[in-house]
Protein backbone atom coordinates (compact mmCIF):
# COMPACT_ATOMS: atom_id res chain seq x y z
CA MET A 1 0.00 0.00 0.00
CA ASP A 2 1.23 3.51 -0.82
CA ARG A 3 2.42 5.24 2.38
CA ARG A 4 0.36 8.40 1.68
CA ILE A 5 -2.78 6.28 1.47
CA PHE A 6 -1.80 4.42 4.62
CA LEU A 7 -1.53 7.71 6.49
CA GLN A 8 -5.09 8.65 5.58
CA VAL A 9 -6.90 5.37 6.27
CA ALA A 10 -10.49 5.60 7.36
CA ALA A 11 -11.59 5.13 10.94
CA THR A 12 -13.22 1.81 10.07
CA ALA A 13 -10.04 0.30 8.64
CA PRO A 14 -8.27 -2.44 10.60
CA LEU A 15 -4.81 -1.98 12.01
CA LEU A 16 -2.35 -2.53 9.19
CA ALA A 17 0.54 -4.98 9.38
CA SER A 18 4.03 -3.52 9.76
CA PRO A 19 7.59 -4.84 9.79
CA ALA A 20 8.50 -6.71 12.96
CA ASP A 21 10.28 -3.74 14.55
CA VAL A 22 7.53 -1.24 13.68
CA PRO A 23 4.25 -1.09 15.65
CA SER A 24 1.01 -1.28 13.69
CA TYR A 25 -0.39 2.22 13.34
CA ARG A 26 -3.88 3.24 12.31
CA VAL A 27 -3.85 6.88 11.24
CA VAL A 28 -7.27 8.50 11.02
CA SER A 29 -7.77 11.85 9.29
CA ALA A 30 -10.16 13.20 6.69
CA TYR A 31 -7.77 16.03 5.79
CA LYS A 32 -6.13 15.82 2.39
CA PRO A 33 -2.54 16.86 1.62
CA ALA A 34 -2.04 20.37 0.29
CA ALA A 35 -0.89 20.69 -3.31
CA GLN A 36 2.48 21.74 -1.86
CA PRO A 37 2.80 20.34 1.69
CA GLY A 38 4.71 22.48 4.16
CA MET A 39 7.21 19.70 4.85
CA PRO A 40 9.77 19.40 3.36
CA GLY A 41 8.57 22.56 1.66
CA PRO A 42 10.21 24.59 -1.10
CA TYR A 43 13.74 24.18 0.28
CA PRO A 44 14.28 20.44 0.89
CA GLY A 45 17.68 19.56 2.27
CA GLN A 46 18.58 23.18 3.00
CA VAL A 47 19.56 24.38 6.49
CA VAL A 48 20.66 27.90 7.37
CA ARG A 49 22.65 28.32 10.59
CA ILE A 50 23.28 31.81 11.96
CA HIS A 51 25.70 32.29 14.86
CA SER A 52 26.38 35.38 16.95
CA GLU A 53 28.52 35.59 20.06
CA LYS A 54 26.45 38.62 21.08
CA SER A 55 23.09 36.81 21.00
CA ILE A 56 23.06 35.69 24.66
CA ASP A 57 25.14 36.25 27.79
CA PRO A 58 25.56 32.81 29.46
CA ALA A 59 26.34 34.41 32.82
CA THR A 60 23.06 36.32 33.03
CA GLU A 61 20.94 34.40 30.47
CA LYS A 62 20.11 37.79 28.94
CA VAL A 63 19.21 37.63 25.24
CA ASP A 64 19.87 40.61 22.97
CA PRO A 65 16.59 41.16 21.03
CA GLU A 66 18.18 43.29 18.33
CA VAL A 67 20.87 40.71 17.62
CA VAL A 68 18.20 38.00 17.46
CA ARG A 69 16.23 40.11 14.98
CA ARG A 70 19.29 40.49 12.77
CA MET A 71 19.99 36.75 12.97
CA ILE A 72 16.48 35.83 11.86
CA ASP A 73 16.42 38.48 9.13
CA SER A 74 19.73 37.19 7.81
CA GLY A 75 18.61 33.56 7.92
CA MET A 76 15.31 34.19 6.17
CA LYS A 77 17.00 36.12 3.38
CA THR A 78 19.67 33.44 2.95
CA LEU A 79 17.06 30.65 2.83
CA THR A 80 14.80 32.33 0.28
CA GLY A 81 17.21 34.49 -1.70
CA GLU A 82 15.08 37.56 -1.05
CA SER A 83 16.74 40.91 -0.29
CA GLN A 84 14.11 42.04 2.24
CA PRO A 85 12.84 40.12 5.30
CA ARG A 86 9.21 40.98 4.51
CA ASP A 87 9.47 39.40 1.06
CA ALA A 88 11.09 36.31 2.56
CA TRP A 89 8.23 35.84 5.04
CA ALA A 90 5.65 36.50 2.31
CA ARG A 91 6.84 33.34 0.57
CA PHE A 92 5.24 31.33 3.38
CA ILE A 93 2.52 33.48 4.91
CA SER A 94 -0.34 35.58 3.56
CA PRO A 95 -2.54 38.14 5.39
CA LYS A 96 -5.44 35.67 5.31
CA ASP A 97 -3.57 32.97 7.23
CA VAL A 98 -4.24 32.04 10.83
CA VAL A 99 -0.76 31.24 12.09
CA GLY A 100 0.36 29.10 14.98
CA ILE A 101 3.78 29.60 16.54
CA LYS A 102 4.52 26.19 18.08
CA VAL A 103 6.84 26.83 20.99
CA ASN A 104 8.58 24.26 23.19
CA CYS A 105 8.33 24.84 26.94
CA SER A 106 9.01 21.31 28.22
CA GLY A 107 12.29 22.46 29.77
CA ALA A 108 10.88 25.64 31.31
CA PRO A 109 11.86 27.54 33.32
CA ARG A 110 15.45 26.60 32.39
CA ILE A 111 15.23 26.15 28.63
CA TYR A 112 12.37 27.02 26.27
CA SER A 113 11.64 28.75 22.98
CA SER A 114 13.10 32.18 23.69
CA PRO A 115 10.45 34.94 23.90
CA GLU A 116 12.81 37.21 21.99
CA ILE A 117 12.75 34.81 19.04
CA VAL A 118 8.98 34.35 19.26
CA ALA A 119 8.52 38.13 19.34
CA VAL A 120 10.56 38.59 16.15
CA ILE A 121 8.49 35.89 14.42
CA ALA A 122 5.25 37.59 15.49
CA GLU A 123 6.50 40.98 14.28
CA ASN A 124 7.34 39.53 10.87
CA LEU A 125 3.96 37.84 10.58
CA MET A 126 2.29 41.15 11.28
CA ALA A 127 4.60 42.89 8.79
CA VAL A 128 3.19 40.73 5.98
CA GLY A 129 -0.34 41.67 7.05
CA VAL A 130 -1.43 38.97 9.49
CA PRO A 131 -3.53 40.64 12.24
CA ALA A 132 -2.43 39.99 15.82
CA THR A 133 -5.78 38.29 16.45
CA GLN A 134 -4.87 35.65 13.83
CA ILE A 135 -1.65 34.61 15.60
CA TYR A 136 -1.51 31.88 18.25
CA VAL A 137 1.54 31.10 20.40
CA TYR A 138 0.73 27.62 21.60
CA GLU A 139 1.88 24.58 23.54
CA ARG A 140 0.29 21.49 25.08
CA PHE A 141 0.62 22.20 28.79
CA ASP A 142 -0.63 25.41 30.38
CA ASN A 143 1.69 25.38 33.40
CA GLN A 144 4.78 25.15 31.19
CA LEU A 145 3.54 27.79 28.76
CA ARG A 146 2.57 30.30 31.46
CA SER A 147 5.92 29.95 33.20
CA VAL A 148 7.61 31.69 30.26
CA ASN A 149 5.32 34.75 30.19
CA TYR A 150 5.33 35.26 26.41
CA GLY A 151 2.66 37.94 26.70
CA LYS A 152 5.23 40.34 28.14
CA TYR A 153 7.10 40.30 24.81
CA LEU A 154 4.23 40.21 22.30
CA PRO A 155 1.89 42.80 20.77
CA ALA A 156 -1.62 43.03 22.17
CA GLY A 157 -4.16 40.72 20.59
CA ILE A 158 -1.94 37.68 20.04
CA HIS A 159 -3.42 34.53 21.57
CA ILE A 160 -1.41 32.48 24.06
CA TYR A 161 -2.99 29.05 24.04
CA ALA A 162 -2.48 25.74 25.85
CA ALA A 163 -4.40 22.58 25.01
CA GLU A 164 -4.30 21.17 28.54
CA THR A 165 -5.12 23.57 31.35
CA SER A 166 -5.38 20.43 33.47
CA ARG A 167 -3.24 17.42 32.66
CA ASN A 168 -4.84 14.68 30.55
CA SER A 169 -7.86 16.79 29.65
CA LEU A 170 -9.05 15.77 26.17
CA ILE A 171 -11.56 18.53 25.42
CA ALA A 172 -9.06 20.48 23.28
CA TYR A 173 -8.21 17.47 21.09
CA ASP A 174 -9.97 16.45 17.89
CA PRO A 175 -11.76 13.07 18.24
CA LYS A 176 -11.72 12.68 14.45
CA VAL A 177 -7.96 13.00 13.91
CA TYR A 178 -5.77 10.49 15.73
CA VAL A 179 -3.14 7.78 15.59
CA GLU A 180 -4.06 4.49 17.20
CA THR A 181 -1.59 1.84 18.33
CA ASP A 182 -0.96 -0.41 21.31
CA PHE A 183 2.67 -0.19 22.44
CA PHE A 184 2.75 -1.94 25.81
CA GLY A 185 -0.85 -2.96 26.52
CA GLU A 186 -1.82 0.55 27.71
CA GLU A 187 -5.52 1.29 28.30
CA ASP A 188 -5.75 4.38 26.05
CA THR A 189 -4.31 3.54 22.63
CA ARG A 190 -5.15 6.78 20.80
CA SER A 191 -3.20 10.01 20.39
CA ASN A 192 -5.44 12.83 19.16
CA LEU A 193 -4.46 16.02 17.35
CA MET A 194 -5.16 19.43 18.92
CA ARG A 195 -8.38 21.01 17.66
CA LEU A 196 -6.47 24.28 17.29
CA VAL A 197 -4.31 22.67 14.62
CA SER A 198 -7.07 20.81 12.78
CA GLU A 199 -9.85 23.39 13.02
CA THR A 200 -8.26 26.86 13.29
CA LEU A 201 -4.69 27.22 12.05
CA THR A 202 -3.81 27.42 8.36
CA LYS A 203 -0.02 27.70 8.81
CA ILE A 204 2.43 26.75 11.58
CA VAL A 205 5.88 28.15 12.37
CA ASN A 206 7.72 25.55 14.43
CA VAL A 207 10.12 26.86 17.13
CA PRO A 208 11.92 23.93 18.80
CA ASN A 209 14.97 24.04 21.04
CA LEU A 210 18.40 22.49 20.51
CA LYS A 211 18.23 19.56 22.92
CA GLU A 212 19.21 15.98 23.55
CA HIS A 213 16.32 13.72 24.51
CA GLN A 214 16.62 10.64 26.70
CA ALA A 215 14.16 8.61 24.62
CA ALA A 216 14.30 10.11 21.13
CA GLY A 217 18.01 10.98 21.05
CA VAL A 218 17.26 14.58 20.13
CA THR A 219 14.15 16.70 20.42
CA GLY A 220 14.06 19.14 17.55
CA CYS A 221 11.70 20.04 14.73
CA LEU A 222 10.03 16.65 14.30
CA LYS A 223 9.36 15.90 17.92
CA ASN A 224 8.04 19.41 18.64
CA ILE A 225 5.34 19.09 15.98
CA ALA A 226 4.61 15.44 16.78
CA TYR A 227 4.59 15.04 20.54
CA GLY A 228 3.83 18.76 20.87
CA ASN A 229 0.59 18.59 18.86
CA PHE A 230 -0.91 15.27 19.95
CA SER A 231 -2.27 13.89 23.22
CA ASN A 232 -1.18 10.76 25.08
CA VAL A 233 2.31 10.43 23.60
CA ALA A 234 4.53 9.59 26.60
CA ARG A 235 3.12 6.07 26.43
CA SER A 236 5.64 5.36 23.67
CA HIS A 237 8.41 4.58 26.17
CA ASN A 238 8.40 1.98 28.91
CA GLY A 239 11.46 0.73 30.76
CA ALA A 240 14.54 0.90 28.55
CA LYS A 241 12.54 0.48 25.35
CA THR A 242 10.93 3.31 23.40
CA ASN A 243 8.90 3.45 20.20
CA THR A 244 9.99 6.98 19.40
CA LYS A 245 11.83 5.80 16.28
CA THR A 246 8.59 5.31 14.37
CA PHE A 247 5.99 7.18 16.43
CA ILE A 248 7.49 10.67 16.00
CA GLY A 249 7.51 10.55 12.22
CA THR A 250 4.12 8.87 12.05
CA LEU A 251 2.55 11.69 14.05
CA ALA A 252 4.36 14.44 12.12
CA ALA A 253 3.15 12.99 8.81
CA VAL A 254 -0.54 13.12 9.77
CA GLU A 255 -2.61 15.62 7.82
CA PRO A 256 -3.11 18.49 8.31
CA VAL A 257 0.19 18.74 10.29
CA HIS A 258 2.26 17.62 7.29
CA SER A 259 0.82 20.38 5.11
CA ARG A 260 0.56 23.25 7.58
CA VAL A 261 4.04 23.34 9.13
CA VAL A 262 5.69 25.69 6.64
CA LEU A 263 8.77 26.93 8.51
CA ASN A 264 11.12 25.76 11.26
CA ILE A 265 13.15 28.21 13.34
CA MET A 266 15.27 26.28 15.84
CA ASP A 267 16.29 28.18 18.96
CA GLY A 268 19.89 27.20 19.59
CA LEU A 269 20.83 30.13 21.79
CA ARG A 270 20.83 27.63 24.65
CA GLY A 271 21.12 23.88 24.42
CA VAL A 272 21.00 20.64 26.41
CA TRP A 273 23.49 17.88 25.62
CA HIS A 274 22.40 15.27 28.20
CA ALA A 275 19.41 14.37 30.42
CA GLY A 276 16.99 16.26 28.18
CA PRO A 277 14.45 17.50 27.58
CA PHE A 278 13.88 18.98 31.04
CA SER A 279 17.32 20.47 31.76
CA GLU A 280 17.23 19.97 35.51
CA MET A 281 21.04 19.84 35.77
CA ALA A 282 22.92 23.00 34.86
CA LYS A 283 26.10 21.09 34.03
CA PHE A 284 24.41 19.67 30.92
CA ARG A 285 23.35 23.04 29.50
CA PHE A 286 25.49 24.86 26.96
CA TYR A 287 25.26 27.96 24.78
CA PRO A 288 25.68 27.36 21.03
CA LYS A 289 24.46 30.94 20.38
CA GLN A 290 22.87 29.97 17.09
CA ILE A 291 19.55 29.86 15.25
CA MET A 292 18.76 27.37 12.47
CA ILE A 293 16.12 28.03 9.82
CA GLY A 294 14.61 25.82 7.11
CA THR A 295 11.50 24.18 5.72
CA ASP A 296 12.89 20.63 5.93
CA PRO A 297 12.57 19.28 9.50
CA VAL A 298 14.53 16.12 8.71
CA ALA A 299 17.56 17.98 7.37
CA MET A 300 17.43 20.34 10.34
CA ASP A 301 17.17 17.52 12.88
CA HIS A 302 20.04 15.66 11.22
CA THR A 303 22.08 18.82 11.70
CA LEU A 304 20.90 18.93 15.32
CA ILE A 305 22.15 15.36 15.86
CA ASP A 306 25.55 16.44 14.56
CA VAL A 307 25.68 19.38 17.00
CA ILE A 308 24.73 17.27 20.02
CA GLU A 309 27.07 14.45 19.00
CA ALA A 310 29.98 16.89 18.70
CA LYS A 311 29.27 18.34 22.13
CA ARG A 312 28.95 14.91 23.73
CA LYS A 313 32.23 13.82 22.15
CA ALA A 314 33.93 16.97 23.46
CA GLU A 315 32.59 16.17 26.95
CA GLY A 316 33.74 12.53 26.79
CA ALA A 317 30.19 11.13 26.80
CA VAL A 318 28.95 8.11 24.87
CA SER A 319 27.26 8.61 21.52
CA LEU A 320 23.53 9.18 21.08
CA TRP A 321 23.66 6.02 18.96
CA ASP A 322 25.00 3.84 21.80
CA ARG A 323 22.66 0.91 22.51
CA SER A 324 24.50 -0.82 25.33
CA MET A 325 22.33 -1.78 28.31
CA SER A 326 25.37 -1.10 30.49
CA HIS A 327 24.68 2.60 29.87
CA VAL A 328 21.01 2.43 30.90
CA GLY A 329 20.08 3.36 34.47
CA ARG A 330 18.10 5.76 36.63
CA ASP A 331 20.94 8.04 37.75
CA ASN A 332 21.60 10.11 34.66
CA SER A 333 23.70 12.65 36.51
CA ASP A 334 26.49 10.64 34.84
CA PRO A 335 26.58 11.63 31.14
CA ASN A 336 27.26 7.99 30.26
CA ILE A 337 24.02 6.82 31.89
CA ASN A 338 20.63 7.33 30.29
CA HIS A 339 17.08 6.29 31.20
CA TYR A 340 16.38 4.66 27.83
CA ILE A 341 17.96 3.26 24.71
CA ARG A 342 17.86 6.43 22.60
CA GLU A 343 16.34 6.44 19.12
CA PRO A 344 17.98 9.20 17.03
CA GLY A 345 17.06 7.01 14.08
CA HIS A 346 13.61 8.59 14.24
CA VAL A 347 14.97 11.38 12.05
CA GLU A 348 15.97 9.05 9.22
CA TYR A 349 12.71 7.13 9.61
CA ALA A 350 10.76 10.37 9.13
CA SER A 351 12.51 10.82 5.78
CA THR A 352 10.87 7.59 4.56
CA LEU A 353 7.47 9.22 5.17
CA GLY A 354 8.19 12.10 2.82
CA LEU A 355 9.00 14.64 5.54
CA GLY A 356 12.47 15.59 4.35
CA ILE A 357 15.99 14.65 3.33
CA TYR A 358 18.30 12.72 5.66
CA ASP A 359 21.24 11.87 3.40
CA SER A 360 24.18 14.04 4.52
CA ALA A 361 25.45 14.24 0.96
CA LYS A 362 22.19 15.93 -0.09
CA ILE A 363 21.94 18.38 2.82
CA LYS A 364 23.19 21.88 2.07
CA LEU A 365 24.21 23.72 5.23
CA LYS A 366 24.72 27.46 4.90
CA VAL A 367 26.53 29.03 7.88
CA SER A 368 26.76 32.75 8.60
CA GLU A 369 28.33 34.77 11.41
CA LEU A 370 26.94 38.02 12.79
């Protein structure tokens, strides 16, 4: 069966057989792919990395908003070839769009999508004619989102929205769009898409962090739009085993997510190289002082793997790809001990679902210094 058809099977269809190492997924959605899906978008395989030593002061955690603005302006022009930031943004967004800015606050209050970056994105959306009332800064969990206080940085009228004001509440999730699978015999086998995404938004700008993840290997573009848009996702890991390798890409490929995520702006001002995504131990935080921009989440997350791998090697820690049970344990204050067998292979798997390019030889990384 063609994978695109598989991803749009009807609710009455049985669970489909999968290879032995892949759970059987039933993906239910009546939404059809856009003529030009947002992922991998018009710039497959392209990643723009902008670095500035002046972007953040590690001692105080203070971010320079003007430097961040220049970094994003530079990156957007480099990605699109446009000479003006407004024209670059207009390639993705029109005044009629209702735009979601998908932030990541799972590591708050220590690491999160920087408000300074989110503010620049909002300003550029408004510059192309999107009214403030048609912009949503959103996340799954209200307590994490509110801890960042995005409203302090944003123009009046922009919505700040969380799907779960109380944990495990399902009212904000769409009962007609979901992925169903049984990983470990759990009672609830469905993960539903946010209603905001299925019913309200027409475009999404994805703003992940630069982080290692104990189960997924890294948590970047793909995981932020997968686990960050669906309910009941933590069930994918149990004990040392996780199903993140296939679950992340499967969720990200569901329509309308696949079509509506049109731009990824990765916040790499801060980073986490071990014990992510929560960043409870300061010794595992670092400051890459960079922002990455692209439409291809696979190419961007492959680049993220390279950054985290390089940092772990410099710190003398085992690779993200290590699968030895001798390195699995509960005390991950040791950088060579992790709670799970990591699955950074989820990035390559996502490429098989049409979400982007994984092959290093086909990824074009453009690096600039401000």
